[in-house]
Protein backbone atom coordinates (compact mmCIF):
# COMPACT_ATOMS: atom_id res chain seq x y z
CA MET A 1 -0.18 0.09 0.25
CA THR A 2 1.32 3.16 -0.49
CA GLU A 3 3.08 5.08 2.40
CA THR A 4 1.65 8.13 3.31
CA THR A 5 1.36 10.53 6.33
CA GLY A 6 0.14 13.94 7.38
CA ASN A 7 0.77 17.49 6.52
CA ASP A 8 2.20 20.13 8.64
CA GLN A 9 -1.41 21.24 9.54
CA ALA A 10 -3.21 17.93 9.67
CA THR A 11 -3.46 17.48 13.52
CA SER A 12 -6.36 16.86 16.03
CA GLY A 13 -7.53 18.80 18.24
CA ASN A 14 -5.35 17.28 20.73
CA PRO A 15 -1.73 18.92 20.47
CA THR A 16 0.27 15.51 21.35
CA ASP A 17 -1.37 13.98 17.74
CA ALA A 18 0.68 16.27 16.05
CA ILE A 19 2.94 14.84 13.69
CA ALA A 20 6.86 16.55 12.81
CA ILE A 21 7.24 16.21 8.63
CA PRO A 22 10.62 16.87 7.36
CA ALA A 23 11.25 19.98 5.73
CA ALA A 24 12.37 19.06 2.27
CA SER A 25 12.80 15.02 1.01
CA PRO A 26 16.25 13.50 1.31
CA PRO A 27 18.08 12.52 -1.04
CA LEU A 28 17.59 9.17 -3.07
CA SER A 29 20.15 6.07 -2.78
CA LYS A 30 21.30 5.15 -6.30
CA ASN A 31 18.89 2.09 -5.82
CA ALA A 32 16.13 4.27 -5.58
CA GLN A 33 17.47 6.47 -8.31
CA LYS A 34 17.54 3.40 -10.87
CA LYS A 35 13.83 2.59 -9.55
CA LEU A 36 12.93 6.07 -10.00
CA LEU A 37 14.22 6.22 -13.36
CA LYS A 38 12.59 3.10 -14.55
CA LEU A 39 9.04 4.53 -13.19
CA GLN A 40 9.73 7.46 -15.51
CA ARG A 41 10.60 5.18 -18.29
CA TYR A 42 7.55 3.15 -17.77
CA GLU A 43 4.96 6.53 -16.93
CA GLU A 44 6.36 7.56 -20.64
CA LYS A 45 6.04 4.31 -22.56
CA LYS A 46 2.13 4.17 -20.53
CA ALA A 47 1.73 7.38 -22.31
CA GLU A 48 2.70 6.30 -25.51
CA ARG A 49 0.76 3.19 -25.33
CA LYS A 50 -2.37 5.87 -24.18
CA ALA A 51 -2.37 7.88 -27.17
CA PHE A 52 -1.87 4.95 -29.30
CA ALA A 53 -4.96 3.61 -27.93
CA LYS A 54 -6.53 6.72 -28.30
CA GLU A 55 -5.69 6.73 -31.79
CA LYS A 56 -6.74 3.50 -32.25
CA LYS A 57 -10.36 4.13 -31.06
CA GLN A 58 -10.59 7.35 -33.51
CA LYS A 59 -9.92 5.31 -36.31
CA GLU A 60 -12.38 2.96 -35.34
CA ALA A 61 -14.95 5.46 -34.75
CA GLU A 62 -14.43 6.42 -38.37
CA ARG A 63 -14.58 3.28 -40.14
CA LYS A 64 -17.45 2.33 -38.37
CA LYS A 65 -18.66 5.71 -39.65
CA ARG A 66 -18.25 5.29 -43.33
CA GLU A 67 -19.15 1.54 -43.10
CA TRP A 68 -22.78 3.16 -41.75
CA GLU A 69 -23.09 5.86 -44.49
CA GLU A 70 -22.11 3.45 -47.29
CA LYS A 71 -25.02 1.33 -45.88
CA LEU A 72 -27.31 3.62 -45.76
CA SER A 73 -26.56 5.26 -49.39
CA SER A 74 -27.06 1.46 -50.87
CA VAL A 75 -30.44 0.98 -49.78
CA THR A 76 -33.90 3.04 -50.26
CA GLU A 77 -35.55 5.46 -48.74
CA GLU A 78 -38.00 3.40 -47.25
CA GLU A 79 -35.02 0.56 -45.78
CA LYS A 80 -32.94 3.84 -45.04
CA THR A 81 -35.52 5.08 -42.62
CA LYS A 82 -35.93 1.92 -41.01
CA LEU A 83 -32.36 1.52 -40.78
CA ILE A 84 -32.02 4.55 -39.15
CA GLU A 85 -35.30 3.83 -36.55
CA SER A 86 -33.76 0.95 -35.80
CA ARG A 87 -30.40 1.75 -34.75
CA LYS A 88 -32.76 4.73 -32.55
CA GLU A 89 -34.00 1.83 -30.39
CA LEU A 90 -30.99 0.19 -29.74
CA ARG A 91 -29.00 3.40 -28.56
CA LYS A 92 -32.40 4.18 -26.43
CA GLU A 93 -32.37 0.56 -24.70
CA ARG A 94 -28.15 0.97 -24.18
CA MET A 95 -29.13 3.95 -22.30
CA ASP A 96 -31.89 2.59 -19.71
CA LYS A 97 -29.66 0.18 -18.85
CA ARG A 98 -26.90 2.22 -18.70
CA SER A 99 -29.55 4.06 -16.30
CA GLU A 100 -30.87 1.56 -14.17
CA GLU A 101 -27.18 0.01 -13.82
CA ARG A 102 -26.49 3.74 -12.41
CA GLU A 103 -29.41 3.60 -10.12
CA LYS A 104 -28.86 0.00 -8.60
CA LYS A 105 -24.90 1.32 -7.94
CA MET A 106 -26.32 4.26 -5.93
CA GLU A 107 -28.60 2.40 -4.05
CA ARG A 108 -25.29 -0.36 -3.46
CA LEU A 109 -23.22 2.65 -2.56
CA ASN A 110 -25.96 4.25 0.00
CA LYS A 111 -26.45 0.73 1.64
CA ALA A 112 -22.87 0.68 2.30
CA LYS A 113 -22.82 4.01 4.04
CA GLU A 114 -25.00 2.30 6.79
CA VAL A 115 -23.64 -1.56 7.03
CA GLY A 116 -20.43 -1.34 4.97
CA GLN A 117 -16.87 -1.68 6.19
CA LYS A 118 -15.67 1.71 6.62
CA ILE A 119 -12.36 2.32 4.52
CA VAL A 120 -10.29 6.11 4.85
CA VAL A 121 -7.95 7.06 1.76
CA ASP A 122 -5.63 9.71 3.96
CA LEU A 123 -4.88 12.65 1.41
CA GLU A 124 -3.20 14.83 4.03
CA PHE A 125 0.11 13.99 1.66
CA SER A 126 -0.24 16.97 -1.38
CA HIS A 127 2.90 19.42 -0.43
CA LEU A 128 5.09 15.92 -0.25
CA MET A 129 4.22 14.93 -3.63
CA ASN A 130 4.97 16.98 -7.22
CA PRO A 131 2.52 17.17 -9.55
CA SER A 132 3.12 13.91 -11.32
CA GLU A 133 2.44 12.12 -8.10
CA ILE A 134 -0.45 14.09 -7.60
CA SER A 135 -1.76 13.08 -10.75
CA SER A 136 -1.22 9.40 -10.50
CA LEU A 137 -2.87 9.09 -6.98
CA VAL A 138 -5.95 11.11 -8.05
CA GLN A 139 -5.77 8.50 -10.75
CA GLN A 140 -6.05 5.41 -8.26
CA ILE A 141 -8.73 7.41 -6.17
CA MET A 142 -10.97 7.29 -9.60
CA TYR A 143 -10.28 3.53 -9.70
CA CYS A 144 -11.17 2.75 -6.00
CA TYR A 145 -14.41 4.56 -6.68
CA ALA A 146 -14.92 2.51 -10.18
CA VAL A 147 -14.42 -0.71 -8.43
CA ASN A 148 -16.07 0.31 -5.19
CA GLY A 149 -19.38 1.16 -7.40
CA ARG A 150 -18.88 -1.99 -9.50
CA CYS A 151 -19.00 -4.82 -5.87
CA ALA A 152 -22.33 -6.40 -5.23
CA SER A 153 -21.63 -4.92 -1.58
CA PRO A 154 -18.91 -2.13 -1.81
CA CYS A 155 -17.43 -0.65 1.23
CA HIS A 156 -18.02 3.20 2.88
CA LEU A 157 -15.15 5.12 1.18
CA TRP A 158 -13.73 7.93 3.15
CA LEU A 159 -11.28 10.79 1.66
CA THR A 160 -10.04 12.61 4.33
CA GLY A 161 -7.63 15.64 4.29
CA CYS A 162 -8.91 16.48 1.15
CA GLU A 163 -7.88 20.28 0.25
CA GLY A 164 -5.53 22.64 -1.13
CA GLU A 165 -3.95 21.09 -4.39
CA MET A 166 -5.39 17.86 -3.78
CA GLU A 167 -8.62 18.72 -3.87
CA SER A 168 -8.37 20.98 -6.88
CA GLN A 169 -7.12 18.14 -9.03
CA LEU A 170 -10.16 15.61 -7.72
CA LEU A 171 -12.87 18.50 -8.41
CA LYS A 172 -11.40 18.10 -12.37
CA LEU A 173 -12.71 14.41 -12.55
CA PRO A 174 -15.78 14.45 -14.19
CA GLY A 175 -18.75 14.18 -12.02
CA PHE A 176 -16.87 13.95 -9.10
CA ASP A 177 -18.86 16.37 -6.92
CA LYS A 178 -21.98 13.91 -7.73
CA TRP A 179 -19.70 10.79 -6.33
CA CYS A 180 -21.27 8.79 -3.24
CA ILE A 181 -18.55 8.89 -1.45
CA GLU A 182 -17.38 11.22 1.75
CA LYS A 183 -15.04 14.00 1.19
CA GLU A 184 -13.47 15.57 4.63
CA LYS A 185 -11.63 18.51 4.74
CA GLN A 186 -9.97 17.52 8.06
CA SER A 187 -8.31 14.71 8.80
CA TYR A 188 -9.39 11.08 9.86
CA ILE A 189 -8.04 11.72 13.51
CA GLU A 190 -10.79 14.68 13.45
CA THR A 191 -13.36 13.15 11.47
CA PHE A 192 -13.34 10.19 13.95
CA GLN A 193 -12.63 11.59 17.28
CA ASP A 194 -15.18 9.55 19.08
CA GLN A 195 -13.85 6.28 17.40
CA LYS A 196 -9.85 6.72 17.90
CA GLU A 197 -9.92 3.18 19.03
CA ASP A 198 -11.09 1.87 16.48
CA LEU A 199 -8.87 2.99 13.62
CA VAL A 200 -6.27 1.00 12.05
CA TYR A 201 -3.67 2.52 9.70
CA LEU A 202 -2.23 -0.41 7.05
CA THR A 203 0.97 -0.08 6.23
CA ALA A 204 3.59 -2.56 5.05
CA ASP A 205 5.73 -1.11 7.84
CA ALA A 206 3.73 -2.69 10.02
CA GLU A 207 4.35 -5.60 12.96
CA THR A 208 0.86 -6.44 12.91
CA VAL A 209 -0.68 -8.60 10.36
CA LEU A 210 -4.63 -8.57 9.68
CA GLU A 211 -5.74 -11.31 9.71
CA ASP A 212 -9.24 -10.73 9.39
CA LEU A 213 -11.28 -7.70 8.56
CA ASP A 214 -13.79 -5.97 11.39
CA LEU A 215 -16.78 -4.23 10.53
CA LYS A 216 -16.76 -2.04 13.74
CA LYS A 217 -13.16 -0.75 12.91
CA ILE A 218 -11.74 1.78 10.16
CA TYR A 219 -9.41 1.22 7.87
CA ILE A 220 -6.89 3.90 6.56
CA ILE A 221 -4.92 3.80 3.59
CA GLY A 222 -2.30 6.13 3.20
CA GLY A 223 -2.51 8.36 -0.17
CA LEU A 224 1.12 8.92 -0.63
CA VAL A 225 3.19 8.51 -4.21
CA ASP A 226 6.42 7.01 -4.33
CA ARG A 227 7.52 5.61 -1.01
CA ASN A 228 10.79 5.48 -1.76
CA ARG A 229 11.27 9.08 -0.73
CA TRP A 230 9.50 8.55 2.43
CA LYS A 231 9.74 5.05 3.74
CA GLY A 232 8.29 4.74 7.29
CA LEU A 233 6.53 7.69 7.49
CA THR A 234 2.90 6.63 7.90
CA MET A 235 4.05 3.99 10.28
CA LYS A 236 5.80 7.06 12.29
CA LYS A 237 2.12 9.09 11.72
CA ALA A 238 0.18 5.97 13.51
CA ASN A 239 2.81 5.61 16.41
CA GLU A 240 2.82 9.56 17.24
CA GLN A 241 -1.16 9.38 17.10
CA GLY A 242 -1.69 6.80 19.13
CA ILE A 243 -3.66 4.52 16.95
CA LYS A 244 -3.41 0.99 15.84
CA SER A 245 -1.48 0.01 12.90
CA ALA A 246 -1.57 -3.20 10.75
CA LYS A 247 -0.35 -4.93 7.27
CA LEU A 248 -1.82 -7.33 4.65
CA PRO A 249 -1.20 -11.04 5.27
CA ILE A 250 0.40 -10.62 1.96
CA GLY A 251 3.86 -12.78 3.10
CA SER A 252 1.67 -15.82 4.38
CA TYR A 253 0.38 -16.19 0.45
CA MET A 254 2.67 -14.70 -1.79
CA LYS A 255 6.40 -14.29 -2.68
CA MET A 256 6.54 -10.89 -4.01
CA THR A 257 9.55 -9.86 -6.18
CA SER A 258 10.29 -6.72 -4.13
CA SER A 259 8.48 -4.73 -1.41
CA GLN A 260 5.20 -5.10 -0.43
CA VAL A 261 4.02 -1.78 -0.88
CA LEU A 262 1.30 -1.43 -3.10
CA THR A 263 -1.16 1.44 -4.79
CA VAL A 264 -3.84 3.10 -3.04
CA ASN A 265 -6.39 1.27 -5.75
CA GLN A 266 -4.97 -1.92 -5.52
CA VAL A 267 -5.24 -1.87 -1.64
CA VAL A 268 -8.80 -1.25 -1.94
CA GLU A 269 -9.70 -3.67 -4.66
CA ILE A 270 -7.83 -6.34 -2.26
CA LEU A 271 -9.93 -5.58 0.67
CA LEU A 272 -13.31 -5.27 -1.17
CA LYS A 273 -12.42 -8.99 -2.51
CA TYR A 274 -11.41 -9.91 0.64
CA LEU A 275 -15.04 -8.78 1.85
CA GLU A 276 -16.73 -10.90 -0.64
CA THR A 277 -14.67 -14.03 -0.48
CA ASN A 278 -13.16 -13.91 2.96
CA ASP A 279 -10.15 -15.64 1.03
CA TRP A 280 -6.78 -13.60 1.24
CA GLN A 281 -4.84 -15.97 -1.27
CA SER A 282 -7.59 -15.52 -3.84
CA SER A 283 -7.84 -11.82 -3.13
CA PHE A 284 -4.28 -11.24 -3.46
CA PHE A 285 -4.31 -13.53 -6.71
CA GLN A 286 -6.85 -11.47 -8.37
CA VAL A 287 -5.23 -8.18 -7.70
CA ILE A 288 -1.53 -8.05 -7.38
CA PRO A 289 0.01 -7.71 -10.71
CA GLN A 290 2.03 -10.90 -11.77
CA ARG A 291 5.51 -8.54 -12.31
CA LYS A 292 5.27 -8.00 -8.66
CA ARG A 293 4.89 -11.90 -8.06
CA SER A 294 8.35 -14.44 -7.63
CA GLU A 295 8.20 -16.45 -11.05
CA THR A 296 8.24 -19.60 -7.94
CA GLU A 297 5.15 -18.49 -6.47
CA GLU A 298 3.74 -18.14 -9.59
CA LYS A 299 5.00 -22.06 -10.78
CA GLU A 300 3.88 -23.37 -7.39
CA THR A 301 -0.02 -21.58 -7.83
CA GLU A 302 -0.36 -23.25 -10.76
CA GLY A 303 0.39 -26.42 -9.81
CA GLU A 304 -2.15 -26.05 -6.64
CA ASP A 305 -4.54 -24.52 -8.88
CA SER A 306 -4.37 -27.26 -11.09
CA GLU A 307 -4.62 -30.34 -8.48
CA ARG A 308 -7.46 -28.23 -7.09
CA LYS A 309 -9.73 -27.84 -10.36
CA LYS A 310 -8.76 -31.52 -11.09
CA ILE A 311 -10.11 -32.87 -7.33
CA CYS A 312 -13.26 -30.93 -7.89
CA THR A 313 -13.85 -31.92 -11.41
CA GLU A 314 -13.80 -35.83 -10.23
CA GLY A 315 -15.68 -35.11 -7.39
CA SER A 316 -18.81 -33.81 -8.74
CA SER A 317 -19.51 -32.75 -12.39
CA SER A 318 -21.71 -29.78 -11.47
CA GLU A 319 -19.43 -28.17 -8.93
CA VAL A 320 -17.82 -24.99 -10.03
CA THR A 321 -14.49 -23.77 -8.12
CA VAL A 322 -13.69 -20.04 -8.44
CA THR A 323 -9.95 -19.03 -7.62
């Protein structure tokens, strides 16, 4: 999960909850510089792929338009009218279906406000990130909202410390003002001041392993992109604020190629998968990218999956195993 920390002003009403934040980021090690360069190259290629996909989509739209116009020009006026009406009906059906899906989505999200697992994204760190990193975090939050909306049983999602540059960038997202999500300018410590004992900061640096999710608890995910510059910051924040911390049990189910730090949207999706399946291993393997897993782990898992599918198939022809 991405490491996070609070900003200089983000404190609770209690002075002892204040967090001391370094004024400037420490210099990067050679290893960190290599990783940063690798990330920059990845982002450049990602932008190129995005531009290529956009161009391809435009060409496909132009091709379909030409085919439609050619089709209309090759038929009689009566047939042309029928084709146009048929197309209008199909478009109306699609719009009605989307409208129905949106209504059901809003019903699920509103219900989650009453009974859903509370998950907080801590956004008090825009002063520690450059514009590119803030943009990346905004995209991650957008993915969080999207995947939560698709869930049959979504969580109760919160954004705390949502102000300043972070808020400005989020407001640029189409429809952000209509999102069914809690948006708080104040910190989570202030927002949940009467439930401080229920706060649990999820950080890869925690010693406690999260064995299960508790609906009474409020799980906090740090919103800070580029952990290399701010290692251990969220752990320090949790300790200084006197709140619990925990890490996902990734090491118990999976071997990683590098550190166990994930993006905000990956952590949210893992938690949602676990709420749905009550299975950490399944949740990790469905969400964590293959590039972050070791080859040994992949081979072992593939063998276990094959054996499990074989046993299920032999045991009952009507049994379906979801992995």
